[in-house]
C-alpha atoms as a PDB file:
ATOM      1  CA  MET A   1     116.132 116.295  40.998  1.00  0.00           C
ATOM      2  CA  SER A   2     113.915 114.249  38.660  1.00  0.00           C
ATOM      3  CA  LYS A   3     115.245 112.837  35.459  1.00  0.00           C
ATOM      4  CA  LEU A   4     114.255 114.581  32.208  1.00  0.00           C
ATOM      5  CA  GLU A   5     112.492 112.355  29.709  1.00  0.00           C
ATOM      6  CA  THR A   6     111.271 112.788  26.156  1.00  0.00           C
ATOM      7  CA  CYS A   7     107.495 113.253  26.072  1.00  0.00           C
ATOM      8  CA  HIS A   8     105.695 110.860  23.691  1.00  0.00           C
ATOM      9  CA  HIS A   9     103.099 113.547  22.995  1.00  0.00           C
ATOM     10  CA  CYS A  10     105.069 116.746  22.318  1.00  0.00           C
ATOM     11  CA  GLY A  11     108.605 115.426  21.869  1.00  0.00           C
ATOM     12  CA  GLU A  12     110.103 117.848  24.404  1.00  0.00           C
ATOM     13  CA  GLU A  13     112.415 116.778  27.207  1.00  0.00           C
ATOM     14  CA  LYS A  14     110.781 117.444  30.558  1.00  0.00           C
ATOM     15  CA  GLN A  15     109.693 115.897  33.834  1.00  0.00           C
ATOM     16  CA  ASP A  16     106.390 114.072  34.239  1.00  0.00           C
ATOM     17  CA  CYS A  17     106.039 113.123  30.577  1.00  0.00           C
ATOM     18  CA  TYR A  18     103.209 111.303  28.894  1.00  0.00           C
ATOM     19  CA  HIS A  19     104.116 107.722  27.979  1.00  0.00           C
ATOM     20  CA  GLY A  20     101.701 105.786  25.849  1.00  0.00           C
ATOM     21  CA  TYR A  21      99.970 105.691  22.511  1.00  0.00           C
ATOM     22  CA  ILE A  22      98.089 108.548  20.897  1.00  0.00           C
ATOM     23  CA  ALA A  23      95.591 108.280  18.040  1.00  0.00           C
ATOM     24  CA  MET A  24      96.249 110.259  14.854  1.00  0.00           C
ATOM     25  CA  CYS A  25      93.269 112.517  15.699  1.00  0.00           C
ATOM     26  CA  ILE A  26      91.015 113.269  18.612  1.00  0.00           C
ATOM     27  CA  PRO A  27      87.267 112.523  18.496  1.00  0.00           C
ATOM     28  CA  ILE A  28      85.446 115.103  16.373  1.00  0.00           C
ATOM     29  CA  PRO A  29      81.872 115.836  17.526  1.00  0.00           C
ATOM     30  CA  GLU A  30      80.587 116.426  13.972  1.00  0.00           C
ATOM     31  CA  ALA A  31      81.967 113.088  12.768  1.00  0.00           C
ATOM     32  CA  GLU A  32      80.594 111.325  15.838  1.00  0.00           C
ATOM     33  CA  ALA A  33      77.162 112.799  15.034  1.00  0.00           C
ATOM     34  CA  LEU A  34      77.403 111.397  11.497  1.00  0.00           C
ATOM     35  CA  ILE A  35      78.260 107.971  12.883  1.00  0.00           C
ATOM     36  CA  GLU A  36      75.162 108.177  15.086  1.00  0.00           C
ATOM     37  CA  LYS A  37      73.110 109.200  12.033  1.00  0.00           C
ATOM     38  CA  TRP A  38      74.269 106.151  10.022  1.00  0.00           C
ATOM     39  CA  GLY A  39      74.227 103.758  13.007  1.00  0.00           C
ATOM     40  CA  ARG A  40      76.942 103.467  15.632  1.00  0.00           C
ATOM     41  CA  ASN A  41      77.623  99.742  15.213  1.00  0.00           C
ATOM     42  CA  ASP A  42      77.124  99.226  11.504  1.00  0.00           C
ATOM     43  CA  TRP A  43      77.546 102.545   9.648  1.00  0.00           C
ATOM     44  CA  TRP A  44      80.253 100.995   7.450  1.00  0.00           C
ATOM     45  CA  LYS A  45      77.814  98.453   5.997  1.00  0.00           C
ATOM     46  CA  ASN A  46      76.204 101.323   4.080  1.00  0.00           C
ATOM     47  CA  LEU A  47      79.334 101.532   1.903  1.00  0.00           C
ATOM     48  CA  GLU A  48      78.080  98.483  -0.007  1.00  0.00           C
ATOM     49  CA  ARG A  49      74.739 100.071  -0.900  1.00  0.00           C
ATOM     50  CA  THR A  50      74.123 101.129  -4.488  1.00  0.00           C
ATOM     51  CA  ASP A  51      71.142 103.429  -3.862  1.00  0.00           C
ATOM     52  CA  LEU A  52      73.060 106.279  -2.183  1.00  0.00           C
ATOM     53  CA  THR A  53      73.659 109.724  -3.645  1.00  0.00           C
ATOM     54  CA  LYS A  54      77.140 111.073  -4.333  1.00  0.00           C
ATOM     55  CA  GLU A  55      76.843 113.294  -1.263  1.00  0.00           C
ATOM     56  CA  GLU A  56      75.951 110.354   0.953  1.00  0.00           C
ATOM     57  CA  MET A  57      78.853 108.300  -0.414  1.00  0.00           C
ATOM     58  CA  LYS A  58      81.206 111.245   0.160  1.00  0.00           C
ATOM     59  CA  GLU A  59      79.932 111.455   3.753  1.00  0.00           C
ATOM     60  CA  LEU A  60      80.593 107.745   4.292  1.00  0.00           C
ATOM     61  CA  ASP A  61      84.031 107.967   2.674  1.00  0.00           C
ATOM     62  CA  GLY A  62      84.853 110.793   5.082  1.00  0.00           C
ATOM     63  CA  LEU A  63      83.738 108.605   7.978  1.00  0.00           C
ATOM     64  CA  CYS A  64      86.070 105.864   6.754  1.00  0.00           C
ATOM     65  CA  THR A  65      88.989 108.275   6.871  1.00  0.00           C
ATOM     66  CA  TYR A  66      87.947 109.577  10.280  1.00  0.00           C
ATOM     67  CA  ASP A  67      87.570 106.040  11.646  1.00  0.00           C
ATOM     68  CA  GLN A  68      91.010 105.093  10.376  1.00  0.00           C
ATOM     69  CA  LEU A  69      92.633 108.175  11.925  1.00  0.00           C
ATOM     70  CA  LEU A  70      90.848 107.649  15.219  1.00  0.00           C
ATOM     71  CA  ASN A  71      91.957 104.019  15.435  1.00  0.00           C
ATOM     72  CA  THR A  72      95.548 104.387  14.236  1.00  0.00           C
ATOM     73  CA  VAL A  73      98.286 105.068  16.757  1.00  0.00           C
END
């Protein structure tokens, strides 16, 4: 009989558990589309612009949060 282990993903004790790191969120297609809209490699540079509307700044702030969640384990 296999040994029961605590799963790193769900926290349950079971066989064949996942062991590794998990980001705080999964990729979200809508957020990924916004990153493509602003530029995949340099979207964050737009945060320094002063000519953006409140809606655009809110969009970029949301991307900052999303990026942090996606890259935090």
